[in-house]
Protein backbone atom coordinates (compact mmCIF):
# COMPACT_ATOMS: atom_id res chain seq x y z
CA MET A 1 -78.52 40.39 35.01
CA PRO A 2 -78.75 36.58 35.11
CA ARG A 3 -81.44 35.23 37.27
CA LYS A 4 -80.22 33.83 40.56
CA HIS A 5 -81.79 30.64 42.00
CA ASP A 6 -81.17 30.39 45.70
CA LYS A 7 -84.02 28.09 46.62
CA ILE A 8 -82.89 24.69 47.97
CA VAL A 9 -84.79 21.77 46.40
CA PHE A 10 -84.50 18.08 47.40
CA LYS A 11 -85.77 15.02 45.64
CA GLU A 12 -88.73 13.50 47.43
CA TYR A 13 -87.77 11.01 50.12
CA ASN A 14 -90.44 9.30 52.21
CA PRO A 15 -89.19 6.38 54.32
CA ASN A 16 -92.78 5.28 54.98
CA GLN A 17 -93.76 5.13 51.31
CA LEU A 18 -94.61 1.61 50.07
CA ILE A 19 -92.65 0.45 47.02
CA MET A 20 -93.59 -2.53 44.90
CA PRO A 21 -90.83 -5.17 44.50
CA ILE A 22 -88.83 -4.58 41.32
CA ASP A 23 -87.40 -7.37 39.20
CA PRO A 24 -83.55 -7.20 39.13
CA GLU A 25 -83.78 -7.95 35.40
CA ALA A 26 -84.42 -4.26 34.78
CA PHE A 27 -81.15 -3.25 36.45
CA ILE A 28 -78.80 -5.66 34.64
CA PRO A 29 -77.62 -4.31 31.24
CA GLN A 30 -77.75 -6.70 28.31
CA THR A 31 -73.95 -6.49 27.93
CA HIS A 32 -73.24 -7.07 31.63
CA LEU A 33 -70.59 -9.67 32.46
CA VAL A 34 -72.97 -11.73 34.60
CA ARG A 35 -75.27 -12.43 31.63
CA ALA A 36 -72.43 -13.88 29.54
CA ILE A 37 -71.21 -15.94 32.49
CA ASP A 38 -74.74 -17.24 33.05
CA LYS A 39 -75.01 -18.46 29.44
CA ILE A 40 -71.53 -20.00 29.40
CA ILE A 41 -72.16 -22.04 32.55
CA ASP A 42 -75.41 -23.28 30.99
CA LYS A 43 -73.17 -25.16 28.53
CA ILE A 44 -71.70 -27.27 31.37
CA ASP A 45 -73.15 -30.74 31.85
CA ILE A 46 -74.02 -31.13 35.57
CA SER A 47 -75.29 -34.72 35.42
CA THR A 48 -72.41 -35.96 37.60
CA ILE A 49 -73.19 -33.24 40.15
CA VAL A 50 -76.87 -34.22 40.24
CA GLU A 51 -75.87 -37.82 40.97
CA LYS A 52 -74.33 -36.65 44.24
CA TYR A 53 -77.77 -35.85 45.66
CA LYS A 54 -79.38 -38.71 47.60
CA GLY A 55 -82.98 -37.52 47.36
CA GLY A 56 -85.70 -37.57 49.98
CA GLY A 57 -86.45 -34.96 52.60
CA THR A 58 -87.07 -31.33 51.73
CA SER A 59 -86.30 -29.81 48.34
CA SER A 60 -82.73 -28.76 47.55
CA TYR A 61 -81.39 -25.67 45.83
CA HIS A 62 -80.71 -26.35 42.17
CA PRO A 63 -77.04 -27.31 41.65
CA LEU A 64 -76.81 -25.24 38.47
CA MET A 65 -77.80 -22.11 40.38
CA LEU A 66 -75.31 -22.85 43.16
CA LEU A 67 -72.57 -23.53 40.62
CA LYS A 68 -73.23 -20.22 38.85
CA VAL A 69 -73.21 -18.32 42.14
CA LEU A 70 -70.00 -20.01 43.28
CA ILE A 71 -68.12 -19.37 40.03
CA TYR A 72 -69.36 -15.78 39.79
CA ALA A 73 -68.29 -15.18 43.40
CA TYR A 74 -64.78 -16.41 42.58
CA ILE A 75 -64.74 -14.13 39.54
CA GLN A 76 -65.58 -11.21 41.83
CA GLY A 77 -62.81 -12.21 44.24
CA ILE A 78 -65.25 -13.44 46.93
CA TYR A 79 -64.10 -16.78 48.34
CA SER A 80 -65.72 -17.00 51.80
CA SER A 81 -69.05 -18.82 51.96
CA ARG A 82 -70.34 -16.25 54.47
CA LYS A 83 -69.48 -13.36 52.14
CA ILE A 84 -71.12 -15.18 49.23
CA ALA A 85 -74.30 -15.65 51.28
CA LYS A 86 -74.20 -11.96 52.17
CA ALA A 87 -73.78 -10.97 48.51
CA LEU A 88 -76.88 -13.01 47.61
CA GLN A 89 -78.89 -10.73 49.88
CA GLU A 90 -77.26 -7.39 49.02
CA ASN A 91 -75.68 -7.53 45.54
CA ILE A 92 -78.14 -7.15 42.68
CA THR A 93 -76.08 -9.16 40.20
CA PHE A 94 -75.99 -12.09 42.63
CA MET A 95 -79.76 -11.67 43.17
CA TRP A 96 -80.34 -11.81 39.41
CA LEU A 97 -78.11 -14.86 39.02
CA SER A 98 -79.82 -16.78 41.85
CA LYS A 99 -83.30 -15.51 40.92
CA LEU A 100 -83.66 -14.02 44.42
CA GLN A 101 -82.93 -17.36 46.13
CA THR A 102 -80.76 -16.96 49.25
CA PRO A 103 -79.03 -20.15 50.37
CA ASP A 104 -77.12 -19.69 53.61
CA PHE A 105 -73.36 -20.09 54.02
CA ARG A 106 -73.69 -23.67 55.27
CA THR A 107 -75.50 -24.71 52.10
CA ILE A 108 -72.90 -22.99 49.93
CA ASN A 109 -70.00 -24.52 51.83
CA ARG A 110 -71.59 -27.99 51.80
CA PHE A 111 -72.18 -27.73 48.04
CA ARG A 112 -68.59 -26.66 47.47
CA LYS A 113 -66.93 -29.32 49.64
CA GLU A 114 -69.23 -32.32 49.42
CA ILE A 115 -71.10 -32.02 46.11
CA ILE A 116 -68.62 -30.67 43.57
CA GLY A 117 -65.46 -31.72 45.43
CA ASP A 118 -65.01 -34.87 43.31
CA CYS A 119 -66.37 -33.28 40.11
CA ILE A 120 -64.09 -30.26 39.86
CA GLU A 121 -61.72 -31.88 37.35
CA GLU A 122 -64.61 -32.90 35.11
CA ILE A 123 -66.08 -29.38 35.20
CA PHE A 124 -62.66 -27.94 34.36
CA ALA A 125 -62.30 -30.41 31.47
CA GLN A 126 -65.68 -29.33 30.05
CA VAL A 127 -64.61 -25.68 30.10
CA ILE A 128 -61.37 -26.59 28.31
CA GLU A 129 -63.28 -28.62 25.72
CA LEU A 130 -65.51 -25.60 25.08
CA LEU A 131 -62.44 -23.43 24.51
CA VAL A 132 -61.00 -26.04 22.14
CA LYS A 133 -64.24 -26.15 20.12
CA LEU A 134 -64.26 -22.35 19.87
CA GLY A 135 -60.65 -22.36 18.67
CA TYR A 136 -59.07 -20.39 21.51
CA VAL A 137 -56.78 -23.21 22.62
CA ASN A 138 -55.39 -26.27 20.83
CA PHE A 139 -52.53 -27.45 23.12
CA GLU A 140 -50.01 -26.57 20.41
CA TYR A 141 -47.93 -24.54 22.89
CA TYR A 142 -48.17 -25.15 26.61
CA TYR A 143 -46.70 -22.41 28.82
CA LEU A 144 -45.87 -23.92 32.21
CA ASP A 145 -44.95 -22.24 35.47
CA GLY A 146 -45.61 -22.56 39.19
CA THR A 147 -46.24 -20.38 42.21
CA LYS A 148 -46.44 -20.96 45.93
CA ILE A 149 -49.67 -20.14 47.73
CA GLU A 150 -49.96 -20.09 51.50
CA ALA A 151 -52.03 -22.78 53.19
CA ASN A 152 -54.75 -22.19 55.77
CA ALA A 153 -52.44 -23.17 58.60
CA ASN A 154 -50.56 -21.62 61.50
CA LYS A 155 -47.02 -20.77 60.41
CA TYR A 156 -45.60 -21.82 63.80
CA THR A 157 -47.04 -25.37 63.83
CA PHE A 158 -44.12 -26.89 61.92
CA VAL A 159 -42.68 -30.39 62.14
CA TRP A 160 -39.29 -31.00 60.50
CA ALA A 161 -38.17 -34.37 59.19
CA ARG A 162 -34.60 -33.83 60.34
CA SER A 163 -35.68 -32.99 63.90
CA THR A 164 -38.02 -35.98 63.94
CA ARG A 165 -35.18 -38.32 62.98
CA THR A 166 -32.90 -36.78 65.61
CA TYR A 167 -35.47 -36.99 68.41
CA LYS A 168 -36.38 -40.55 67.45
CA LYS A 169 -32.74 -41.58 67.50
CA LYS A 170 -32.22 -40.05 70.95
CA LEU A 171 -35.40 -41.69 72.22
CA ARG A 172 -34.20 -45.12 71.10
CA GLU A 173 -30.90 -44.52 72.87
CA LYS A 174 -32.86 -43.69 76.01
CA VAL A 175 -34.90 -46.91 75.60
CA ARG A 176 -31.67 -48.91 75.35
CA GLU A 177 -30.33 -47.27 78.51
CA ILE A 178 -33.53 -48.06 80.43
CA LEU A 179 -33.61 -51.68 79.23
CA ASN A 180 -29.92 -52.02 80.03
CA GLU A 181 -30.50 -50.78 83.59
CA ILE A 182 -33.46 -53.14 84.06
CA GLU A 183 -31.25 -55.99 82.85
CA ARG A 184 -28.51 -54.97 85.30
CA ILE A 185 -30.93 -54.86 88.28
CA ASN A 186 -32.32 -58.25 87.22
CA GLU A 187 -28.78 -59.68 87.28
CA GLU A 188 -28.18 -58.23 90.76
CA GLU A 189 -31.44 -59.83 91.99
CA ASP A 190 -30.40 -63.30 90.74
CA ARG A 191 -32.62 -63.06 87.64
CA ILE A 192 -35.79 -62.72 89.64
CA LEU A 193 -37.57 -61.57 86.44
CA GLY A 194 -36.27 -64.54 84.48
CA GLU A 195 -34.92 -64.24 80.95
CA LEU A 196 -35.92 -60.77 79.74
CA ASP A 197 -35.00 -61.52 76.10
CA VAL A 198 -33.95 -57.92 75.49
CA ASN A 199 -31.91 -57.10 72.38
CA LEU A 200 -30.11 -53.89 73.21
CA GLU A 201 -28.90 -53.48 69.61
CA ALA A 202 -32.41 -53.63 68.12
CA ASP A 203 -34.39 -50.53 67.14
CA TYR A 204 -37.80 -51.27 68.60
CA ASP A 205 -40.85 -49.71 66.99
CA SER A 206 -43.77 -48.56 69.14
CA GLN A 207 -45.71 -51.83 68.82
CA GLU A 208 -42.74 -54.01 69.77
CA LEU A 209 -41.79 -51.74 72.66
CA GLU A 210 -45.38 -51.72 73.96
CA GLN A 211 -45.44 -55.52 73.89
CA LYS A 212 -42.10 -55.65 75.71
CA VAL A 213 -43.42 -53.27 78.39
CA GLU A 214 -46.47 -55.50 78.95
CA GLU A 215 -44.22 -58.54 79.40
CA LEU A 216 -42.03 -56.66 81.92
CA SER A 217 -45.08 -55.39 83.85
CA GLN A 218 -46.43 -58.93 84.15
CA LYS A 219 -43.09 -60.32 85.36
CA ILE A 220 -42.69 -57.51 87.92
CA ALA A 221 -46.18 -58.19 89.31
CA GLU A 222 -45.31 -61.88 89.84
CA ALA A 223 -41.75 -61.31 91.17
CA ASN A 224 -40.71 -60.90 94.81
CA PHE A 225 -37.73 -58.52 95.02
CA GLY A 226 -35.31 -58.78 97.91
CA SER A 227 -34.76 -55.00 97.88
CA LYS A 228 -37.72 -52.62 97.93
CA ARG A 229 -35.54 -49.82 96.57
CA LYS A 230 -34.63 -51.84 93.47
CA GLU A 231 -38.25 -52.92 93.05
CA ARG A 232 -39.39 -49.29 93.05
CA ARG A 233 -36.58 -48.42 90.63
CA VAL A 234 -37.59 -51.12 88.14
CA LYS A 235 -41.26 -50.15 88.36
CA LYS A 236 -40.34 -46.51 87.73
CA LEU A 237 -38.27 -47.44 84.70
CA VAL A 238 -41.05 -49.55 83.23
CA LYS A 239 -43.53 -46.74 83.88
CA THR A 240 -41.23 -44.33 82.03
CA LEU A 241 -41.16 -46.71 79.08
CA GLN A 242 -44.95 -46.99 79.09
CA ASN A 243 -45.99 -43.38 79.71
CA ASN A 244 -43.18 -41.58 77.95
CA CYS A 245 -41.18 -43.62 75.47
CA VAL A 246 -43.99 -45.60 73.87
CA LEU A 247 -46.17 -42.51 73.38
CA ARG A 248 -43.33 -40.41 71.98
CA LEU A 249 -42.27 -43.24 69.66
CA LYS A 250 -45.83 -43.47 68.34
CA LYS A 251 -45.83 -39.74 67.77
CA TYR A 252 -42.58 -39.78 65.80
CA GLU A 253 -43.75 -42.73 63.73
CA SER A 254 -46.97 -40.89 62.87
CA TYR A 255 -44.88 -37.84 61.92
CA GLU A 256 -42.76 -39.95 59.56
CA GLN A 257 -45.89 -41.41 58.00
CA ILE A 258 -47.31 -37.92 57.39
CA LEU A 259 -43.99 -36.61 56.06
CA ASN A 260 -43.71 -39.45 53.51
CA GLY A 261 -40.40 -38.18 52.15
CA ARG A 262 -41.08 -34.46 52.66
CA ASN A 263 -38.84 -32.25 54.78
CA SER A 264 -41.68 -30.68 56.80
CA PHE A 265 -45.42 -30.41 57.41
CA SER A 266 -47.84 -28.31 59.43
CA LYS A 267 -49.79 -29.67 62.38
CA THR A 268 -52.78 -27.54 61.32
CA ASP A 269 -52.79 -28.82 57.74
CA ASN A 270 -50.78 -32.03 57.48
CA ASP A 271 -50.65 -31.89 53.67
CA ALA A 272 -49.01 -28.44 53.64
CA THR A 273 -45.21 -28.17 53.34
CA PHE A 274 -43.16 -25.26 54.62
CA MET A 275 -41.85 -23.21 51.69
CA ARG A 276 -40.26 -19.83 51.11
CA MET A 277 -42.81 -17.36 49.79
CA LYS A 278 -41.94 -14.45 47.51
CA ASP A 279 -44.51 -12.16 49.13
CA ASP A 280 -42.89 -12.33 52.56
CA HIS A 281 -43.86 -9.17 54.44
CA MET A 282 -40.91 -9.57 56.81
CA LYS A 283 -38.44 -9.73 53.89
CA ASN A 284 -36.36 -12.32 55.74
CA GLY A 285 -37.13 -15.47 53.78
CA MET A 286 -39.56 -16.76 56.39
CA LEU A 287 -40.88 -20.25 55.79
CA LYS A 288 -44.65 -20.63 55.62
CA PRO A 289 -46.91 -23.65 55.12
CA GLY A 290 -48.09 -23.75 51.54
CA TYR A 291 -48.56 -25.62 48.29
CA ASN A 292 -46.74 -25.48 44.98
CA VAL A 293 -49.38 -24.70 42.34
CA GLN A 294 -48.50 -25.56 38.73
CA ILE A 295 -50.53 -24.26 35.78
CA GLY A 296 -50.22 -24.38 32.02
CA THR A 297 -51.65 -21.66 29.80
CA GLN A 298 -52.31 -20.92 26.15
CA ASN A 299 -53.73 -17.68 24.84
CA ARG A 300 -53.82 -16.71 28.55
CA PHE A 301 -56.38 -19.40 29.31
CA VAL A 302 -55.54 -21.92 32.05
CA ILE A 303 -55.59 -25.29 30.27
CA GLY A 304 -54.01 -27.41 33.01
CA PHE A 305 -53.34 -27.28 36.74
CA SER A 306 -51.99 -29.46 39.53
CA ILE A 307 -51.15 -29.13 43.23
CA HIS A 308 -47.82 -30.35 44.62
CA GLN A 309 -46.25 -30.64 48.06
CA SER A 310 -42.68 -30.24 46.82
CA PRO A 311 -41.35 -26.64 46.75
CA THR A 312 -39.11 -27.45 43.76
CA ASP A 313 -40.62 -26.96 40.29
CA THR A 314 -38.21 -29.43 38.69
CA VAL A 315 -39.82 -32.51 40.25
CA CYS A 316 -43.38 -31.41 39.37
CA LEU A 317 -43.25 -31.48 35.56
CA LYS A 318 -43.74 -35.21 34.97
CA GLU A 319 -46.63 -35.57 37.40
CA HIS A 320 -48.24 -32.36 36.14
CA LEU A 321 -48.27 -33.47 32.50
CA GLU A 322 -49.70 -36.87 33.43
CA LEU A 323 -52.55 -35.19 35.34
CA VAL A 324 -53.26 -32.71 32.53
CA THR A 325 -53.44 -35.50 29.94
CA LYS A 326 -55.70 -37.52 32.24
CA ILE A 327 -58.08 -34.64 33.03
CA THR A 328 -58.36 -32.90 29.64
CA GLY A 329 -57.60 -35.78 27.29
CA HIS A 330 -55.09 -33.60 25.40
CA LYS A 331 -51.31 -33.89 25.32
CA PRO A 332 -49.30 -30.71 24.69
CA LYS A 333 -47.11 -30.67 21.60
CA ASN A 334 -44.60 -28.08 22.83
CA ILE A 335 -43.69 -27.19 26.42
CA VAL A 336 -42.39 -23.69 27.20
CA ALA A 337 -40.99 -23.11 30.70
CA ASP A 338 -38.18 -21.36 32.56
CA SER A 339 -34.90 -22.84 33.76
CA GLY A 340 -36.50 -24.14 36.96
CA TYR A 341 -37.69 -27.14 34.94
CA GLY A 342 -34.44 -27.73 33.05
CA SER A 343 -33.11 -31.12 34.16
CA GLU A 344 -31.94 -34.29 32.46
CA GLU A 345 -34.91 -36.21 33.82
CA ASN A 346 -37.42 -33.71 32.42
CA TYR A 347 -35.71 -33.38 29.04
CA LEU A 348 -35.58 -37.15 28.64
CA HIS A 349 -39.21 -37.62 29.72
CA LEU A 350 -40.46 -35.00 27.23
CA LYS A 351 -38.42 -36.56 24.43
CA GLU A 352 -39.83 -40.02 25.18
CA CYS A 353 -43.35 -38.55 25.12
CA GLY A 354 -42.76 -36.88 21.77
CA ILE A 355 -43.05 -33.36 23.20
CA ASN A 356 -40.74 -30.57 22.04
CA SER A 357 -39.23 -28.72 24.98
CA TYR A 358 -38.52 -24.99 24.97
CA ILE A 359 -37.07 -25.12 28.48
CA LYS A 360 -33.89 -23.30 29.42
CA TYR A 361 -31.30 -24.92 31.65
CA ASN A 362 -29.62 -23.01 34.46
CA THR A 363 -26.53 -21.94 32.45
CA PHE A 364 -28.25 -21.18 29.14
CA ASP A 365 -28.17 -17.37 29.40
CA LEU A 366 -24.60 -17.45 30.71
CA GLU A 367 -23.46 -19.51 27.73
CA GLN A 368 -24.68 -16.83 25.33
CA THR A 369 -22.34 -14.19 26.78
CA ARG A 370 -19.07 -13.25 25.11
CA ARG A 371 -17.15 -13.78 28.33
CA PHE A 372 -18.30 -17.39 28.56
CA LYS A 373 -17.48 -18.18 24.94
CA LYS A 374 -13.96 -16.72 25.20
CA ASP A 375 -13.10 -18.32 28.55
CA ILE A 376 -10.23 -20.71 27.69
CA PHE A 377 -10.43 -22.35 31.11
CA ASN A 378 -14.03 -23.48 30.57
CA VAL A 379 -14.13 -27.18 29.77
CA ARG A 380 -16.92 -26.63 27.20
CA ASN A 381 -14.52 -24.49 25.14
CA TRP A 382 -11.73 -27.08 25.08
CA GLU A 383 -10.85 -29.03 21.97
CA TYR A 384 -12.26 -32.57 22.02
CA ILE A 385 -10.55 -35.54 20.32
CA ALA A 386 -13.28 -38.12 19.66
CA GLU A 387 -10.87 -40.94 18.67
CA GLU A 388 -9.06 -40.80 22.02
CA ASP A 389 -12.06 -39.57 24.06
CA ALA A 390 -9.90 -36.81 25.48
CA TYR A 391 -9.84 -33.01 25.86
CA ILE A 392 -6.93 -30.63 25.29
CA CYS A 393 -6.44 -28.20 28.19
CA PRO A 394 -5.08 -24.62 27.78
CA ALA A 395 -1.60 -25.91 28.59
CA GLY A 396 -1.79 -28.38 25.67
CA LYS A 397 -2.06 -31.46 27.90
CA LYS A 398 -4.53 -34.26 27.31
CA VAL A 399 -7.35 -34.82 29.77
CA LYS A 400 -8.37 -38.44 29.17
CA TYR A 401 -11.40 -40.52 30.10
CA LEU A 402 -10.81 -42.20 33.48
CA TYR A 403 -13.90 -44.21 34.54
CA PRO A 404 -17.72 -44.18 34.36
CA LYS A 405 -19.91 -43.05 37.23
CA ILE A 406 -23.55 -43.89 37.89
CA SER A 407 -25.76 -41.95 40.29
CA ALA A 408 -29.46 -41.99 41.14
CA ASN A 409 -31.68 -39.35 42.72
CA GLU A 410 -34.40 -39.84 45.34
CA ARG A 411 -36.95 -40.60 42.61
CA GLY A 412 -34.85 -43.41 41.19
CA PHE A 413 -33.72 -41.61 38.02
CA VAL A 414 -30.29 -42.89 36.97
CA SER A 415 -27.67 -40.52 35.52
CA TYR A 416 -24.53 -41.62 33.71
CA GLU A 417 -21.32 -39.62 33.97
CA LYS A 418 -17.86 -39.90 32.44
CA VAL A 419 -14.98 -38.82 34.66
CA TYR A 420 -11.90 -37.29 32.97
CA GLN A 421 -8.45 -36.66 34.43
CA CYS A 422 -5.38 -34.83 33.18
CA GLU A 423 -2.56 -37.19 32.17
CA ASP A 424 0.12 -34.94 33.72
CA ILE A 425 0.45 -33.41 37.18
CA CYS A 426 -1.10 -29.96 37.30
CA ASN A 427 1.17 -28.67 40.07
CA GLY A 428 3.71 -26.32 38.55
CA CYS A 429 1.52 -25.51 35.53
CA GLU A 430 1.30 -21.79 34.74
CA HIS A 431 -2.52 -22.05 34.50
CA ARG A 432 -2.93 -24.03 37.75
CA GLU A 433 -4.66 -21.31 39.78
CA LYS A 434 -7.08 -20.26 37.06
CA CYS A 435 -7.75 -23.68 35.56
CA TYR A 436 -8.11 -25.94 38.61
CA LYS A 437 -9.20 -25.03 42.16
CA GLY A 438 -9.21 -28.58 43.54
CA LYS A 439 -6.69 -30.18 45.89
CA ARG A 440 -5.77 -33.12 43.65
CA TRP A 441 -2.50 -33.15 41.80
CA LYS A 442 -4.34 -33.73 38.54
CA LYS A 443 -7.41 -31.90 37.29
CA ARG A 444 -10.52 -34.06 37.31
CA PHE A 445 -14.06 -33.30 36.09
CA SER A 446 -17.12 -35.20 34.94
CA ILE A 447 -19.37 -34.91 31.87
CA ARG A 448 -22.89 -36.24 31.39
CA PRO A 449 -23.00 -37.20 27.69
CA ARG A 450 -26.75 -37.83 27.58
CA LEU A 451 -27.52 -34.54 29.31
CA GLU A 452 -25.15 -32.60 27.03
CA LYS A 453 -26.85 -34.10 23.97
CA LEU A 454 -30.30 -33.17 25.28
CA LYS A 455 -29.11 -29.65 26.15
CA GLU A 456 -27.73 -29.23 22.62
CA GLU A 457 -31.12 -30.11 21.14
CA VAL A 458 -32.86 -27.61 23.43
CA ARG A 459 -30.21 -24.98 22.73
CA GLN A 460 -30.70 -25.23 18.96
CA ARG A 461 -34.47 -25.04 19.42
CA LEU A 462 -34.33 -21.97 21.68
CA LEU A 463 -31.78 -20.08 19.57
CA SER A 464 -33.83 -20.44 16.41
CA ARG A 465 -35.96 -17.49 15.30
CA GLU A 466 -39.15 -19.40 15.99
CA GLY A 467 -37.87 -20.50 19.41
CA GLU A 468 -37.03 -16.93 20.44
CA GLU A 469 -40.55 -15.75 19.54
CA ILE A 470 -42.18 -18.67 21.36
CA TYR A 471 -40.12 -18.26 24.52
CA GLU A 472 -40.69 -14.50 24.54
CA LYS A 473 -44.45 -15.09 24.87
CA ARG A 474 -43.89 -16.95 28.14
CA LYS A 475 -43.58 -13.66 30.01
CA ILE A 476 -47.03 -12.47 28.92
CA GLU A 477 -48.71 -15.87 29.18
CA VAL A 478 -48.48 -17.63 32.51
CA GLU A 479 -47.05 -14.68 34.43
CA THR A 480 -50.07 -12.59 33.43
CA VAL A 481 -52.45 -15.25 34.71
CA PHE A 482 -50.69 -15.46 38.07
CA GLY A 483 -50.70 -11.67 38.34
CA ILE A 484 -54.46 -11.44 37.73
CA ILE A 485 -55.33 -14.26 40.14
CA LYS A 486 -52.99 -13.27 42.98
CA ASN A 487 -52.94 -9.48 42.69
CA ASN A 488 -56.18 -8.42 40.97
CA LYS A 489 -58.37 -11.15 42.51
CA GLY A 490 -56.48 -11.20 45.81
CA PHE A 491 -56.19 -14.99 45.96
CA ARG A 492 -53.02 -15.46 48.00
CA ARG A 493 -54.12 -17.94 50.67
CA PHE A 494 -56.25 -21.06 50.56
CA LEU A 495 -59.36 -21.26 52.72
CA LEU A 496 -59.78 -25.05 52.59
CA ARG A 497 -57.33 -27.56 54.04
CA GLY A 498 -55.83 -30.78 52.76
CA MET A 499 -54.88 -31.75 49.20
CA LYS A 500 -58.49 -32.47 48.27
CA GLY A 501 -59.76 -29.10 49.53
CA VAL A 502 -56.87 -27.18 47.97
CA LYS A 503 -57.35 -28.91 44.60
CA LEU A 504 -61.06 -28.07 44.71
CA GLU A 505 -60.44 -24.43 45.55
CA TRP A 506 -57.75 -23.90 42.93
CA GLY A 507 -59.88 -25.71 40.35
CA LEU A 508 -62.69 -23.22 41.02
CA VAL A 509 -60.21 -20.35 40.68
CA CYS A 510 -59.04 -21.62 37.27
CA ILE A 511 -62.59 -22.30 36.03
CA ALA A 512 -63.72 -18.83 37.14
CA TYR A 513 -60.71 -17.20 35.47
CA ASN A 514 -61.32 -19.01 32.14
CA ILE A 515 -65.05 -18.25 32.11
CA GLU A 516 -64.46 -14.58 32.93
CA ARG A 517 -61.88 -14.23 30.17
CA LEU A 518 -64.16 -15.95 27.66
CA ALA A 519 -67.12 -13.80 28.74
CA LYS A 520 -65.12 -10.59 28.31
CA ILE A 521 -64.06 -11.68 24.83
CA ILE A 522 -67.70 -12.39 23.96
CA ILE A 523 -68.90 -9.04 25.28
CA GLY A 524 -66.13 -7.28 23.38
CA GLY A 525 -67.78 -8.22 20.11
CA TRP A 526 -66.54 -9.97 16.99
CA SER A 527 -65.03 -6.92 15.28
CA LYS A 528 -63.14 -5.92 18.40
CA ILE A 529 -61.88 -9.43 19.09
CA ALA A 530 -60.54 -10.02 15.61
CA SER A 531 -58.16 -7.06 16.00
CA GLN A 532 -56.85 -8.06 19.42
CA PRO A 533 -53.89 -10.37 20.20
CA SER A 534 -56.23 -12.51 22.32
CA CYS A 535 -57.50 -14.15 19.11
CA PHE A 536 -54.08 -15.11 17.78
CA LEU A 537 -55.20 -18.72 17.23
CA LEU A 538 -57.82 -17.53 14.76
CA HIS A 539 -55.29 -15.33 12.96
CA SER A 540 -52.79 -18.21 12.75
CA SER A 541 -55.56 -20.47 11.44
CA ILE A 542 -56.30 -18.00 8.65
CA LEU A 543 -52.65 -18.09 7.64
CA THR A 544 -52.05 -21.84 7.95
CA LEU A 545 -55.38 -23.59 7.28
CA ASN A 546 -57.31 -23.79 4.05
CA THR A 547 -60.36 -21.63 3.37
CA ILE A 548 -62.95 -24.27 4.33
CA LYS A 549 -61.45 -24.98 7.76
CA CYS A 550 -61.12 -21.26 8.43
CA LEU A 551 -64.74 -20.65 7.44
CA ILE A 552 -65.93 -23.44 9.77
CA LEU A 553 -63.99 -21.91 12.68
CA VAL A 554 -65.49 -18.46 12.05
CA ILE A 555 -69.03 -19.87 11.82
CA LYS A 556 -68.64 -21.88 15.06
CA ASN A 557 -67.50 -18.79 16.98
CA TYR A 558 -70.20 -16.58 15.48
CA CYS A 559 -72.98 -19.08 16.27
CA PHE A 560 -71.83 -19.43 19.87
CA TRP A 561 -71.71 -15.67 20.44
CA ALA A 562 -75.07 -15.12 18.73
CA ALA A 563 -76.70 -17.77 20.94
CA LEU A 564 -75.71 -15.91 24.10
CA PHE A 565 -77.53 -12.66 23.32
């Protein structure tokens, strides 16, 4: 029979036993992610960060150590300075990275906000330059998209531009009524206050109204009213102007200054705009204060980012590209984006900059359907006579050019339209109900020739075999990055406030993401990397470049990886 062991044995545990301190180095494997991250950050030049220190007083924690801890914390999905300080005391990888130094949360937060706040773009540019040297990115294709991230603000502290204008208008009407009544009482008292010089048609601002109130108060103090009741009434009206109207007018003017063309802002974070978030737990399209974050990717590395207050992606493209070129020093050659960026202004701007656009417009997919192409009532399917600048409608009538039309948007971009009108009355036509839904007797529509020409260029580019392959990669490029940052890393809400704080925080998120991705590629090993899609730039280089250039690229990557281990 097999021998039966029924004796209970425990490993020795003596809480009072003294243990010598052990170096964390022994517990960190040589292929651990933190070692690769440590070596990559060593490549960053921190001279501009060092210049932020004033000197004097007690010694400071080394900025390189703090930068490594901060970036590694963001890689681990730890964004709170208190949680980072806690990890430095409890997490062995953080202990190894900081060499057992334990700065408190105030030091970490001060370093993040005050020291590297103005240097975040330079640090990001250095990381991008490293990726360019290693051959992972080259700005050949720039995949652009945006997402909305909630601000660190109360969702009920909203101020709307429309309400502000309405309240300000009503307040000015109230001011006119008060001044009108004061003028009436002054007339009844034989102009005891003298000439008030009140323009009831003028829209006084807060400064002018405050000056007018001071003049009225001085005149009332020197006047001798015949009726005490009217004297009290005038004093009450002036007091209302001073304690109510002037203060409210100042408030509305400050609101308009903060809004600066926006439709809303939050009282908690004045730079945040109320936007509709996709991850709304109430599922009712609730507006929340947030920022529109735009990023550009290549090979699933973030190679450009910008923060915007407008919830519409269309108006962000021009500013985003200018910032990316300024920060990184590289201009993308091809832009790939969804139909949210497809506008005449964006197409024209990219063409003037010499950038090829792979950007769909809002009706692109609809135009590829059989139903759209066979719709005889669609103006785009009508026969066009260039000599007469006219279209032939389904009824065989000519729709001729009528007059030009010029329009401009809020950013000052001018669009040119050509208005066409049918030469015959449409009433009584057999196709009237299907062809024309308007109330005019003759069908009228407008065409933007410049926009149609730009759309044709984009259409030919997207429908080509190369264009289809390029646009198909958009789904696995920028969408993957957003998924990792927001879902895997749990970054769905900013901790810092204001445009400066938000830009700093998102810059750290992008830097941490790029360094983590690069570190994982390094740890994966050369043989494993060469067979993965993540090294498609190297594969394309082998196919397109000559042997010498390819050999240089391989040697540069091999030397960098060998230096880390």
